[in-house]
Amino acid sequence: MKVVSSILPAESIQEMIRSKFPAIQFEFFKGMKNAFESFQEAEIFITYGEDLTEERIENARNLKWIMVMSAGLDKMPLSACRKKGIIVTNARGVHKIPMAEYTVGTMLQYVKQARLLWKNEEEERWDRRVSMEELCDKTILILGVGAIGGEIARLAKAFRIKTIGVNRTGNPVEFVDELCKLDGISTVVGKADFVVSVLPSTPETTHLLTYEHFKSMKDTCVFINIGRGDLVEEDVLFEVIKNKEIAHLFLDVFATEPLPEGHSFWKEERVTITPHLSSLTKKYLPRSFEIFEKNLHTYNNKSDKMINYIDLTRGY
């Protein structure tokens, strides 16, 4: 069996995997350009999911399983994988700790006026009139209470925040006080002090939020998007801020990345921009390879269902 990776992890990770599966041939490369020749013979391919095309999938002679070392699959040729019966799994869940911490961090920054305090410090201004708030007794609406959203809800409870969740099924989730389905968002957005989206990019979620949703929010509400940039059209967000429908946007994801220089978001005082880094952590690849290791045992033994098995008709 040949396993090829277009991701080049640390030597310690490579050695760990090889030691646990001595009968398997592993080849690790930096990027598809270097991995391509070996990829054509691989039975298993490890990737971030951005270097595969329909043509490459069709020409892969032995490929049976693709391990995508990210949660997002929007750049994966899933239809080509489905046609060839290729298994696809991803690293869903590895992001939950850094992304939940990022979310709580932005909320704390906002209520504790971090941006203003940093500005005052730079200007050597002692101003005790700065308005301080608490997270306690606030309400957060979490769009997408899967692994990441569930962790956000768990941390929110430490601050005694009321939690409302949205998912596809409407089934109960631990640490979520109130739950509704995707089509029920408009019934709950008006209750939230913070709205955070961790939704993936699917046909169901593209441009899911409209101007009317924001108009229904409190004018003191804060919107945080750490999911995908196509959840809301940028023109809608411009109108929302211009018309002061809500108080602030924290945006980590955008329709076009990197966000171009000169983009209006950069200059907007009530928009905080971060460069798609809410999921970043030094523990990212070690955690991803833990999932791969468990799935490789399952694949070898043809035993239980693999972790994070992707339904290729749904895309998640």
C-alpha atoms as a PDB file:
ATOM      1  CA  MET A   1       0.000   0.000   0.000  1.00  0.00           C
ATOM      2  CA  LYS A   2       1.305   3.432  -0.957  1.00  0.00           C
ATOM      3  CA  VAL A   3       0.376   6.596   0.945  1.00  0.00           C
ATOM      4  CA  VAL A   4       1.377   9.906  -0.641  1.00  0.00           C
ATOM      5  CA  SER A   5       1.114  13.315   0.992  1.00  0.00           C
ATOM      6  CA  SER A   6       1.349  16.758  -0.597  1.00  0.00           C
ATOM      7  CA  ILE A   7       1.759  18.050   2.952  1.00  0.00           C
ATOM      8  CA  LEU A   8       5.241  17.914   4.453  1.00  0.00           C
ATOM      9  CA  PRO A   9       4.833  17.559   8.225  1.00  0.00           C
ATOM     10  CA  ALA A  10       7.601  17.663  10.817  1.00  0.00           C
ATOM     11  CA  GLU A  11      10.044  14.750  10.818  1.00  0.00           C
ATOM     12  CA  SER A  12       8.675  13.681  14.192  1.00  0.00           C
ATOM     13  CA  ILE A  13       5.196  13.193  12.688  1.00  0.00           C
ATOM     14  CA  GLN A  14       6.592  11.297   9.705  1.00  0.00           C
ATOM     15  CA  GLU A  15       8.590   9.007  11.990  1.00  0.00           C
ATOM     16  CA  MET A  16       5.589   8.412  14.247  1.00  0.00           C
ATOM     17  CA  ILE A  17       3.343   7.377  11.350  1.00  0.00           C
ATOM     18  CA  ARG A  18       5.998   5.123   9.780  1.00  0.00           C
ATOM     19  CA  SER A  19       6.735   3.426  13.091  1.00  0.00           C
ATOM     20  CA  LYS A  20       3.068   2.617  13.660  1.00  0.00           C
ATOM     21  CA  PHE A  21       2.514   1.297  10.138  1.00  0.00           C
ATOM     22  CA  PRO A  22       5.840  -0.323   9.103  1.00  0.00           C
ATOM     23  CA  ALA A  23       4.259  -2.346   6.298  1.00  0.00           C
ATOM     24  CA  ILE A  24       2.976   0.752   4.482  1.00  0.00           C
ATOM     25  CA  GLN A  25       5.030   2.890   2.108  1.00  0.00           C
ATOM     26  CA  PHE A  26       4.772   6.596   2.974  1.00  0.00           C
ATOM     27  CA  GLU A  27       6.001   9.437   0.777  1.00  0.00           C
ATOM     28  CA  PHE A  28       5.754  13.025   2.008  1.00  0.00           C
ATOM     29  CA  PHE A  29       6.206  16.032  -0.288  1.00  0.00           C
ATOM     30  CA  LYS A  30       5.885  19.786  -0.105  1.00  0.00           C
ATOM     31  CA  GLY A  31       3.106  20.624  -2.538  1.00  0.00           C
ATOM     32  CA  MET A  32       1.442  18.789  -5.409  1.00  0.00           C
ATOM     33  CA  LYS A  33       4.130  19.830  -7.892  1.00  0.00           C
ATOM     34  CA  ASN A  34       6.593  17.623  -6.029  1.00  0.00           C
ATOM     35  CA  ALA A  35       4.068  14.933  -5.142  1.00  0.00           C
ATOM     36  CA  PHE A  36       2.379  14.591  -8.527  1.00  0.00           C
ATOM     37  CA  GLU A  37       4.342  11.659  -9.966  1.00  0.00           C
ATOM     38  CA  SER A  38       3.905   9.600  -6.797  1.00  0.00           C
ATOM     39  CA  PHE A  39       0.284  10.711  -6.433  1.00  0.00           C
ATOM     40  CA  GLN A  40      -0.609   8.913  -9.663  1.00  0.00           C
ATOM     41  CA  GLU A  41       0.325   5.594  -8.039  1.00  0.00           C
ATOM     42  CA  ALA A  42      -1.066   6.304  -4.555  1.00  0.00           C
ATOM     43  CA  GLU A  43      -3.832   4.309  -2.912  1.00  0.00           C
ATOM     44  CA  ILE A  44      -4.197   6.943  -0.185  1.00  0.00           C
ATOM     45  CA  PHE A  45      -3.552  10.658  -0.630  1.00  0.00           C
ATOM     46  CA  ILE A  46      -3.125  13.263   2.113  1.00  0.00           C
ATOM     47  CA  THR A  47      -3.851  16.869   1.118  1.00  0.00           C
ATOM     48  CA  TYR A  48      -5.214  20.213   2.268  1.00  0.00           C
ATOM     49  CA  GLY A  49      -7.831  19.766  -0.467  1.00  0.00           C
ATOM     50  CA  GLU A  50      -6.818  22.626  -2.752  1.00  0.00           C
ATOM     51  CA  ASP A  51      -4.515  20.774  -5.156  1.00  0.00           C
ATOM     52  CA  LEU A  52      -6.905  18.247  -6.679  1.00  0.00           C
ATOM     53  CA  THR A  53      -8.879  18.615  -9.912  1.00  0.00           C
ATOM     54  CA  GLU A  54     -11.396  16.408 -11.665  1.00  0.00           C
ATOM     55  CA  GLU A  55      -8.740  15.486 -14.214  1.00  0.00           C
ATOM     56  CA  ARG A  56      -6.259  14.464 -11.545  1.00  0.00           C
ATOM     57  CA  ILE A  57      -8.875  12.333  -9.809  1.00  0.00           C
ATOM     58  CA  GLU A  58      -9.869  10.659 -13.075  1.00  0.00           C
ATOM     59  CA  ASN A  59      -6.246   9.850 -13.930  1.00  0.00           C
ATOM     60  CA  ALA A  60      -5.314   8.533 -10.485  1.00  0.00           C
ATOM     61  CA  ARG A  61      -5.015   4.817 -11.197  1.00  0.00           C
ATOM     62  CA  ASN A  62      -5.045   3.363  -7.690  1.00  0.00           C
ATOM     63  CA  LEU A  63      -6.630   6.062  -5.546  1.00  0.00           C
ATOM     64  CA  LYS A  64      -9.165   4.773  -3.018  1.00  0.00           C
ATOM     65  CA  TRP A  65      -9.082   7.242  -0.109  1.00  0.00           C
ATOM     66  CA  ILE A  66      -8.334  10.965   0.226  1.00  0.00           C
ATOM     67  CA  MET A  67      -7.607  12.398   3.673  1.00  0.00           C
ATOM     68  CA  VAL A  68      -8.222  16.149   3.586  1.00  0.00           C
ATOM     69  CA  MET A  69      -6.296  17.819   6.409  1.00  0.00           C
ATOM     70  CA  SER A  70      -8.797  20.654   6.758  1.00  0.00           C
ATOM     71  CA  ALA A  71     -12.495  20.952   7.484  1.00  0.00           C
ATOM     72  CA  GLY A  72     -13.476  22.895   4.367  1.00  0.00           C
ATOM     73  CA  LEU A  73     -14.156  20.895   1.202  1.00  0.00           C
ATOM     74  CA  ASP A  74     -15.356  23.696  -1.083  1.00  0.00           C
ATOM     75  CA  LYS A  75     -12.350  23.307  -3.417  1.00  0.00           C
ATOM     76  CA  MET A  76     -12.506  19.517  -3.588  1.00  0.00           C
ATOM     77  CA  PRO A  77     -13.784  17.816  -6.801  1.00  0.00           C
ATOM     78  CA  LEU A  78     -16.282  15.732  -4.850  1.00  0.00           C
ATOM     79  CA  SER A  79     -18.350  14.715  -7.874  1.00  0.00           C
ATOM     80  CA  ALA A  80     -15.270  13.146  -9.491  1.00  0.00           C
ATOM     81  CA  CYS A  81     -14.530  11.298  -6.235  1.00  0.00           C
ATOM     82  CA  ARG A  82     -18.104  10.044  -6.118  1.00  0.00           C
ATOM     83  CA  LYS A  83     -17.932   8.734  -9.695  1.00  0.00           C
ATOM     84  CA  LYS A  84     -14.826   6.702  -8.889  1.00  0.00           C
ATOM     85  CA  GLY A  85     -16.043   5.524  -5.486  1.00  0.00           C
ATOM     86  CA  ILE A  86     -13.168   7.222  -3.653  1.00  0.00           C
ATOM     87  CA  ILE A  87     -13.534   7.614   0.107  1.00  0.00           C
ATOM     88  CA  VAL A  88     -13.069  11.154   1.394  1.00  0.00           C
ATOM     89  CA  THR A  89     -12.497  12.072   5.042  1.00  0.00           C
ATOM     90  CA  ASN A  90     -11.487  15.375   6.560  1.00  0.00           C
ATOM     91  CA  ALA A  91     -10.009  16.855   9.730  1.00  0.00           C
ATOM     92  CA  ARG A  92     -13.238  18.242  11.124  1.00  0.00           C
ATOM     93  CA  GLY A  93     -12.824  18.917  14.839  1.00  0.00           C
ATOM     94  CA  VAL A  94      -9.155  19.923  14.882  1.00  0.00           C
ATOM     95  CA  HIS A  95     -10.183  23.571  14.615  1.00  0.00           C
ATOM     96  CA  LYS A  96     -12.544  23.621  17.548  1.00  0.00           C
ATOM     97  CA  ILE A  97     -10.120  24.750  20.258  1.00  0.00           C
ATOM     98  CA  PRO A  98      -8.387  27.648  18.436  1.00  0.00           C
ATOM     99  CA  MET A  99     -11.595  28.838  16.751  1.00  0.00           C
ATOM    100  CA  ALA A 100     -13.610  28.765  19.965  1.00  0.00           C
ATOM    101  CA  GLU A 101     -10.838  30.650  21.754  1.00  0.00           C
ATOM    102  CA  TYR A 102     -10.728  33.180  18.905  1.00  0.00           C
ATOM    103  CA  THR A 103     -14.480  33.735  19.210  1.00  0.00           C
ATOM    104  CA  VAL A 104     -14.442  34.283  22.953  1.00  0.00           C
ATOM    105  CA  GLY A 105     -11.366  36.495  22.501  1.00  0.00           C
ATOM    106  CA  THR A 106     -13.163  38.782  20.047  1.00  0.00           C
ATOM    107  CA  MET A 107     -16.177  39.008  22.347  1.00  0.00           C
ATOM    108  CA  LEU A 108     -13.966  39.966  25.269  1.00  0.00           C
ATOM    109  CA  GLN A 109     -12.109  42.504  23.118  1.00  0.00           C
ATOM    110  CA  TYR A 110     -15.424  44.095  22.285  1.00  0.00           C
ATOM    111  CA  VAL A 111     -17.015  44.338  25.726  1.00  0.00           C
ATOM    112  CA  LYS A 112     -13.724  45.408  27.346  1.00  0.00           C
ATOM    113  CA  GLN A 113     -13.068  48.055  24.654  1.00  0.00           C
ATOM    114  CA  ALA A 114      -9.627  46.645  23.789  1.00  0.00           C
ATOM    115  CA  ARG A 115      -9.230  48.670  20.582  1.00  0.00           C
ATOM    116  CA  LEU A 116      -9.946  51.974  22.376  1.00  0.00           C
ATOM    117  CA  LEU A 117      -7.713  51.081  25.316  1.00  0.00           C
ATOM    118  CA  TRP A 118      -4.803  50.280  22.976  1.00  0.00           C
ATOM    119  CA  LYS A 119      -5.351  53.616  21.223  1.00  0.00           C
ATOM    120  CA  ASN A 120      -5.456  55.481  24.531  1.00  0.00           C
ATOM    121  CA  GLU A 121      -2.260  53.777  25.649  1.00  0.00           C
ATOM    122  CA  GLU A 122      -0.461  54.800  22.463  1.00  0.00           C
ATOM    123  CA  GLU A 123      -1.597  58.381  23.012  1.00  0.00           C
ATOM    124  CA  GLU A 124      -0.749  58.233  26.756  1.00  0.00           C
ATOM    125  CA  ARG A 125      -4.338  59.119  27.622  1.00  0.00           C
ATOM    126  CA  TRP A 126      -5.673  58.173  31.082  1.00  0.00           C
ATOM    127  CA  ASP A 127      -9.438  57.913  30.629  1.00  0.00           C
ATOM    128  CA  ARG A 128     -11.506  56.040  33.222  1.00  0.00           C
ATOM    129  CA  ARG A 129     -14.732  57.030  31.481  1.00  0.00           C
ATOM    130  CA  VAL A 130     -14.298  54.232  28.928  1.00  0.00           C
ATOM    131  CA  SER A 131     -17.489  52.162  29.048  1.00  0.00           C
ATOM    132  CA  MET A 132     -16.801  48.634  30.305  1.00  0.00           C
ATOM    133  CA  GLU A 133     -19.292  45.798  29.860  1.00  0.00           C
ATOM    134  CA  GLU A 134     -19.507  42.110  30.794  1.00  0.00           C
ATOM    135  CA  LEU A 135     -20.162  38.940  28.840  1.00  0.00           C
ATOM    136  CA  CYS A 136     -22.229  37.644  31.738  1.00  0.00           C
ATOM    137  CA  ASP A 137     -25.941  37.382  30.844  1.00  0.00           C
ATOM    138  CA  LYS A 138     -25.330  38.169  27.158  1.00  0.00           C
ATOM    139  CA  THR A 139     -26.812  35.905  24.473  1.00  0.00           C
ATOM    140  CA  ILE A 140     -24.836  34.308  21.656  1.00  0.00           C
ATOM    141  CA  LEU A 141     -26.372  32.813  18.519  1.00  0.00           C
ATOM    142  CA  ILE A 142     -24.121  30.145  17.009  1.00  0.00           C
ATOM    143  CA  LEU A 143     -24.784  29.381  13.342  1.00  0.00           C
ATOM    144  CA  GLY A 144     -23.526  25.824  12.984  1.00  0.00           C
ATOM    145  CA  VAL A 145     -23.274  23.961  16.296  1.00  0.00           C
ATOM    146  CA  GLY A 146     -21.051  21.109  15.168  1.00  0.00           C
ATOM    147  CA  ALA A 147     -17.638  20.453  16.700  1.00  0.00           C
ATOM    148  CA  ILE A 148     -16.525  24.108  16.604  1.00  0.00           C
ATOM    149  CA  GLY A 149     -19.874  25.625  17.483  1.00  0.00           C
ATOM    150  CA  GLY A 150     -20.304  23.153  20.320  1.00  0.00           C
ATOM    151  CA  GLU A 151     -16.947  24.167  21.779  1.00  0.00           C
ATOM    152  CA  ILE A 152     -17.899  27.847  21.502  1.00  0.00           C
ATOM    153  CA  ALA A 153     -21.089  27.053  23.434  1.00  0.00           C
ATOM    154  CA  ARG A 154     -19.120  25.182  26.104  1.00  0.00           C
ATOM    155  CA  LEU A 155     -16.739  28.100  26.640  1.00  0.00           C
ATOM    156  CA  ALA A 156     -19.607  30.591  26.581  1.00  0.00           C
ATOM    157  CA  LYS A 157     -21.171  28.823  29.539  1.00  0.00           C
ATOM    158  CA  ALA A 158     -18.079  29.642  31.633  1.00  0.00           C
ATOM    159  CA  PHE A 159     -19.078  33.310  31.218  1.00  0.00           C
ATOM    160  CA  ARG A 160     -22.755  32.578  31.994  1.00  0.00           C
ATOM    161  CA  ILE A 161     -23.790  33.459  28.450  1.00  0.00           C
ATOM    162  CA  LYS A 162     -27.120  32.207  27.118  1.00  0.00           C
ATOM    163  CA  THR A 163     -26.572  30.054  24.030  1.00  0.00           C
ATOM    164  CA  ILE A 164     -28.794  29.653  20.990  1.00  0.00           C
ATOM    165  CA  GLY A 165     -27.733  27.249  18.257  1.00  0.00           C
ATOM    166  CA  VAL A 166     -28.624  26.601  14.641  1.00  0.00           C
ATOM    167  CA  ASN A 167     -28.012  23.326  12.839  1.00  0.00           C
ATOM    168  CA  ARG A 168     -29.549  21.264  10.035  1.00  0.00           C
ATOM    169  CA  THR A 169     -31.460  18.822  12.226  1.00  0.00           C
ATOM    170  CA  GLY A 170     -32.653  20.862  15.174  1.00  0.00           C
ATOM    171  CA  ASN A 171     -31.466  18.031  17.432  1.00  0.00           C
ATOM    172  CA  PRO A 172     -30.305  19.002  20.966  1.00  0.00           C
ATOM    173  CA  VAL A 173     -26.638  19.910  21.498  1.00  0.00           C
ATOM    174  CA  GLU A 174     -24.840  19.979  24.846  1.00  0.00           C
ATOM    175  CA  PHE A 175     -24.339  23.492  26.290  1.00  0.00           C
ATOM    176  CA  VAL A 176     -26.919  24.969  23.880  1.00  0.00           C
ATOM    177  CA  ASP A 177     -29.992  26.369  25.642  1.00  0.00           C
ATOM    178  CA  GLU A 178     -32.179  26.810  22.570  1.00  0.00           C
ATOM    179  CA  LEU A 179     -31.898  25.239  19.133  1.00  0.00           C
ATOM    180  CA  CYS A 180     -33.480  25.727  15.731  1.00  0.00           C
ATOM    181  CA  LYS A 181     -32.960  24.603  12.148  1.00  0.00           C
ATOM    182  CA  LEU A 182     -31.336  26.665   9.388  1.00  0.00           C
ATOM    183  CA  ASP A 183     -34.673  27.858   8.098  1.00  0.00           C
ATOM    184  CA  GLY A 184     -35.506  29.255  11.525  1.00  0.00           C
ATOM    185  CA  ILE A 185     -32.663  31.775  11.806  1.00  0.00           C
ATOM    186  CA  SER A 186     -34.952  34.760  11.330  1.00  0.00           C
ATOM    187  CA  THR A 187     -36.910  33.753  14.449  1.00  0.00           C
ATOM    188  CA  VAL A 188     -33.881  33.924  16.766  1.00  0.00           C
ATOM    189  CA  VAL A 189     -31.449  36.561  15.410  1.00  0.00           C
ATOM    190  CA  GLY A 190     -33.240  39.323  17.281  1.00  0.00           C
ATOM    191  CA  LYS A 191     -32.429  37.711  20.630  1.00  0.00           C
ATOM    192  CA  ALA A 192     -28.640  37.734  20.239  1.00  0.00           C
ATOM    193  CA  ASP A 193     -25.970  40.134  21.477  1.00  0.00           C
ATOM    194  CA  PHE A 194     -23.410  38.192  19.454  1.00  0.00           C
ATOM    195  CA  VAL A 195     -23.985  36.189  16.272  1.00  0.00           C
ATOM    196  CA  VAL A 196     -21.126  33.904  15.246  1.00  0.00           C
ATOM    197  CA  SER A 197     -21.070  31.809  12.076  1.00  0.00           C
ATOM    198  CA  VAL A 198     -18.993  28.668  11.708  1.00  0.00           C
ATOM    199  CA  LEU A 199     -21.053  27.382   8.789  1.00  0.00           C
ATOM    200  CA  PRO A 200     -19.225  25.696   5.876  1.00  0.00           C
ATOM    201  CA  SER A 201     -19.636  26.731   2.255  1.00  0.00           C
ATOM    202  CA  THR A 202     -22.408  24.674   0.656  1.00  0.00           C
ATOM    203  CA  PRO A 203     -25.225  25.475  -1.784  1.00  0.00           C
ATOM    204  CA  GLU A 204     -27.481  25.616   1.262  1.00  0.00           C
ATOM    205  CA  THR A 205     -25.392  28.241   3.087  1.00  0.00           C
ATOM    206  CA  THR A 206     -24.162  30.473   0.225  1.00  0.00           C
ATOM    207  CA  HIS A 207     -25.648  33.947   0.808  1.00  0.00           C
ATOM    208  CA  LEU A 208     -27.813  32.436   3.538  1.00  0.00           C
ATOM    209  CA  LEU A 209     -27.824  35.652   5.572  1.00  0.00           C
ATOM    210  CA  THR A 210     -29.594  38.588   3.973  1.00  0.00           C
ATOM    211  CA  TYR A 211     -29.998  42.256   4.846  1.00  0.00           C
ATOM    212  CA  GLU A 212     -33.318  41.406   6.486  1.00  0.00           C
ATOM    213  CA  HIS A 213     -31.566  39.114   8.963  1.00  0.00           C
ATOM    214  CA  PHE A 214     -29.243  41.936  10.042  1.00  0.00           C
ATOM    215  CA  LYS A 215     -32.135  44.391  10.179  1.00  0.00           C
ATOM    216  CA  SER A 216     -33.803  42.007  12.646  1.00  0.00           C
ATOM    217  CA  MET A 217     -30.745  42.006  14.930  1.00  0.00           C
ATOM    218  CA  LYS A 218     -30.287  44.401  17.840  1.00  0.00           C
ATOM    219  CA  ASP A 219     -28.485  47.591  16.845  1.00  0.00           C
ATOM    220  CA  THR A 220     -25.982  46.687  19.591  1.00  0.00           C
ATOM    221  CA  CYS A 221     -25.344  43.221  18.121  1.00  0.00           C
ATOM    222  CA  VAL A 222     -21.889  42.054  17.051  1.00  0.00           C
ATOM    223  CA  PHE A 223     -21.483  39.684  14.074  1.00  0.00           C
ATOM    224  CA  ILE A 224     -18.468  37.337  13.950  1.00  0.00           C
ATOM    225  CA  ASN A 225     -17.767  35.265  10.828  1.00  0.00           C
ATOM    226  CA  ILE A 226     -15.157  32.521  11.124  1.00  0.00           C
ATOM    227  CA  GLY A 227     -16.885  30.083   8.753  1.00  0.00           C
ATOM    228  CA  ARG A 228     -16.862  31.043   5.077  1.00  0.00           C
ATOM    229  CA  GLY A 229     -16.910  34.391   3.315  1.00  0.00           C
ATOM    230  CA  ASP A 230     -19.785  33.535   0.990  1.00  0.00           C
ATOM    231  CA  LEU A 231     -22.306  33.340   3.844  1.00  0.00           C
ATOM    232  CA  VAL A 232     -23.177  37.009   3.267  1.00  0.00           C
ATOM    233  CA  GLU A 233     -22.692  39.134   0.171  1.00  0.00           C
ATOM    234  CA  GLU A 234     -20.129  41.882   0.837  1.00  0.00           C
ATOM    235  CA  ASP A 235     -22.501  44.529  -0.522  1.00  0.00           C
ATOM    236  CA  VAL A 236     -24.970  43.487   2.162  1.00  0.00           C
ATOM    237  CA  LEU A 237     -22.344  43.891   4.881  1.00  0.00           C
ATOM    238  CA  PHE A 238     -21.467  47.359   3.558  1.00  0.00           C
ATOM    239  CA  GLU A 239     -25.113  48.386   3.781  1.00  0.00           C
ATOM    240  CA  VAL A 240     -25.468  46.876   7.252  1.00  0.00           C
ATOM    241  CA  ILE A 241     -22.561  48.927   8.597  1.00  0.00           C
ATOM    242  CA  LYS A 242     -23.425  52.089   6.669  1.00  0.00           C
ATOM    243  CA  ASN A 243     -26.985  52.026   8.006  1.00  0.00           C
ATOM    244  CA  LYS A 244     -25.852  51.073  11.535  1.00  0.00           C
ATOM    245  CA  GLU A 245     -28.110  48.030  11.646  1.00  0.00           C
ATOM    246  CA  ILE A 246     -25.649  46.384  14.073  1.00  0.00           C
ATOM    247  CA  ALA A 247     -22.716  47.645  16.124  1.00  0.00           C
ATOM    248  CA  HIS A 248     -19.669  45.773  14.800  1.00  0.00           C
ATOM    249  CA  LEU A 249     -18.350  43.117  12.433  1.00  0.00           C
ATOM    250  CA  PHE A 250     -15.460  40.780  13.218  1.00  0.00           C
ATOM    251  CA  LEU A 251     -14.510  39.166   9.903  1.00  0.00           C
ATOM    252  CA  ASP A 252     -11.909  36.420   9.564  1.00  0.00           C
ATOM    253  CA  VAL A 253     -13.132  35.094   6.185  1.00  0.00           C
ATOM    254  CA  PHE A 254     -13.928  36.824   2.905  1.00  0.00           C
ATOM    255  CA  ALA A 255     -15.290  36.095  -0.554  1.00  0.00           C
ATOM    256  CA  THR A 256     -11.885  37.006  -2.009  1.00  0.00           C
ATOM    257  CA  GLU A 257      -8.742  36.209  -0.065  1.00  0.00           C
ATOM    258  CA  PRO A 258      -6.375  37.841   0.601  1.00  0.00           C
ATOM    259  CA  LEU A 259      -8.585  40.880   1.143  1.00  0.00           C
ATOM    260  CA  PRO A 260      -7.245  43.387  -1.429  1.00  0.00           C
ATOM    261  CA  GLU A 261      -5.408  46.537  -0.422  1.00  0.00           C
ATOM    262  CA  GLY A 262      -7.718  49.512  -0.653  1.00  0.00           C
ATOM    263  CA  HIS A 263     -10.800  47.434   0.170  1.00  0.00           C
ATOM    264  CA  SER A 264     -13.357  49.515   2.074  1.00  0.00           C
ATOM    265  CA  PHE A 265     -13.401  47.089   5.009  1.00  0.00           C
ATOM    266  CA  TRP A 266      -9.838  48.097   5.945  1.00  0.00           C
ATOM    267  CA  LYS A 267     -10.851  51.681   6.731  1.00  0.00           C
ATOM    268  CA  GLU A 268     -14.171  50.992   8.418  1.00  0.00           C
ATOM    269  CA  GLU A 269     -13.955  51.703  12.154  1.00  0.00           C
ATOM    270  CA  ARG A 270     -16.737  49.277  13.009  1.00  0.00           C
ATOM    271  CA  VAL A 271     -15.171  46.367  11.130  1.00  0.00           C
ATOM    272  CA  THR A 272     -12.336  44.325  12.607  1.00  0.00           C
ATOM    273  CA  ILE A 273     -10.406  42.244  10.076  1.00  0.00           C
ATOM    274  CA  THR A 274      -8.191  39.238  10.679  1.00  0.00           C
ATOM    275  CA  PRO A 275      -6.519  37.282   7.825  1.00  0.00           C
ATOM    276  CA  HIS A 276      -8.305  33.898   8.022  1.00  0.00           C
ATOM    277  CA  LEU A 277      -6.283  32.742  11.013  1.00  0.00           C
ATOM    278  CA  SER A 278      -8.894  31.824  13.607  1.00  0.00           C
ATOM    279  CA  SER A 279      -8.134  28.130  13.083  1.00  0.00           C
ATOM    280  CA  LEU A 280      -4.341  28.425  13.179  1.00  0.00           C
ATOM    281  CA  THR A 281      -2.392  26.666  15.900  1.00  0.00           C
ATOM    282  CA  LYS A 282       0.951  24.892  16.191  1.00  0.00           C
ATOM    283  CA  LYS A 283      -1.028  21.799  17.197  1.00  0.00           C
ATOM    284  CA  TYR A 284      -2.966  21.713  13.911  1.00  0.00           C
ATOM    285  CA  LEU A 285      -1.023  19.022  12.025  1.00  0.00           C
ATOM    286  CA  PRO A 286      -0.379  16.776  15.067  1.00  0.00           C
ATOM    287  CA  ARG A 287      -4.136  16.712  15.727  1.00  0.00           C
ATOM    288  CA  SER A 288      -4.909  16.135  12.035  1.00  0.00           C
ATOM    289  CA  PHE A 289      -2.519  13.202  11.840  1.00  0.00           C
ATOM    290  CA  GLU A 290      -4.125  11.696  14.951  1.00  0.00           C
ATOM    291  CA  ILE A 291      -7.386  11.529  12.972  1.00  0.00           C
ATOM    292  CA  PHE A 292      -5.542  10.092   9.976  1.00  0.00           C
ATOM    293  CA  GLU A 293      -3.875   7.459  12.145  1.00  0.00           C
ATOM    294  CA  LYS A 294      -7.213   6.291  13.578  1.00  0.00           C
ATOM    295  CA  ASN A 295      -8.751   6.183  10.112  1.00  0.00           C
ATOM    296  CA  LEU A 296      -5.793   4.276   8.686  1.00  0.00           C
ATOM    297  CA  HIS A 297      -6.300   1.566  11.325  1.00  0.00           C
ATOM    298  CA  THR A 298      -9.973   1.414  10.315  1.00  0.00           C
ATOM    299  CA  TYR A 299      -9.096   1.329   6.603  1.00  0.00           C
ATOM    300  CA  ASN A 300      -6.558  -1.471   7.132  1.00  0.00           C
ATOM    301  CA  ASN A 301      -8.893  -3.580   9.208  1.00  0.00           C
ATOM    302  CA  LYS A 302     -12.009  -2.760   7.150  1.00  0.00           C
ATOM    303  CA  SER A 303     -13.744  -2.275  10.481  1.00  0.00           C
ATOM    304  CA  ASP A 304     -15.951   0.547  11.760  1.00  0.00           C
ATOM    305  CA  LYS A 305     -16.974   3.672   9.867  1.00  0.00           C
ATOM    306  CA  MET A 306     -14.110   6.116   9.475  1.00  0.00           C
ATOM    307  CA  ILE A 307     -13.951   9.346  11.469  1.00  0.00           C
ATOM    308  CA  ASN A 308     -15.256  12.381   9.563  1.00  0.00           C
ATOM    309  CA  TYR A 309     -16.470  10.280   6.647  1.00  0.00           C
ATOM    310  CA  ILE A 310     -17.818  12.634   3.971  1.00  0.00           C
ATOM    311  CA  ASP A 311     -21.164  12.070   2.283  1.00  0.00           C
ATOM    312  CA  LEU A 312     -20.101  13.017  -1.236  1.00  0.00           C
ATOM    313  CA  THR A 313     -23.652  13.829  -2.346  1.00  0.00           C
ATOM    314  CA  ARG A 314     -24.054  16.389   0.452  1.00  0.00           C
ATOM    315  CA  GLY A 315     -20.472  17.653   0.569  1.00  0.00           C
ATOM    316  CA  TYR A 316     -20.003  17.210   4.326  1.00  0.00           C
END
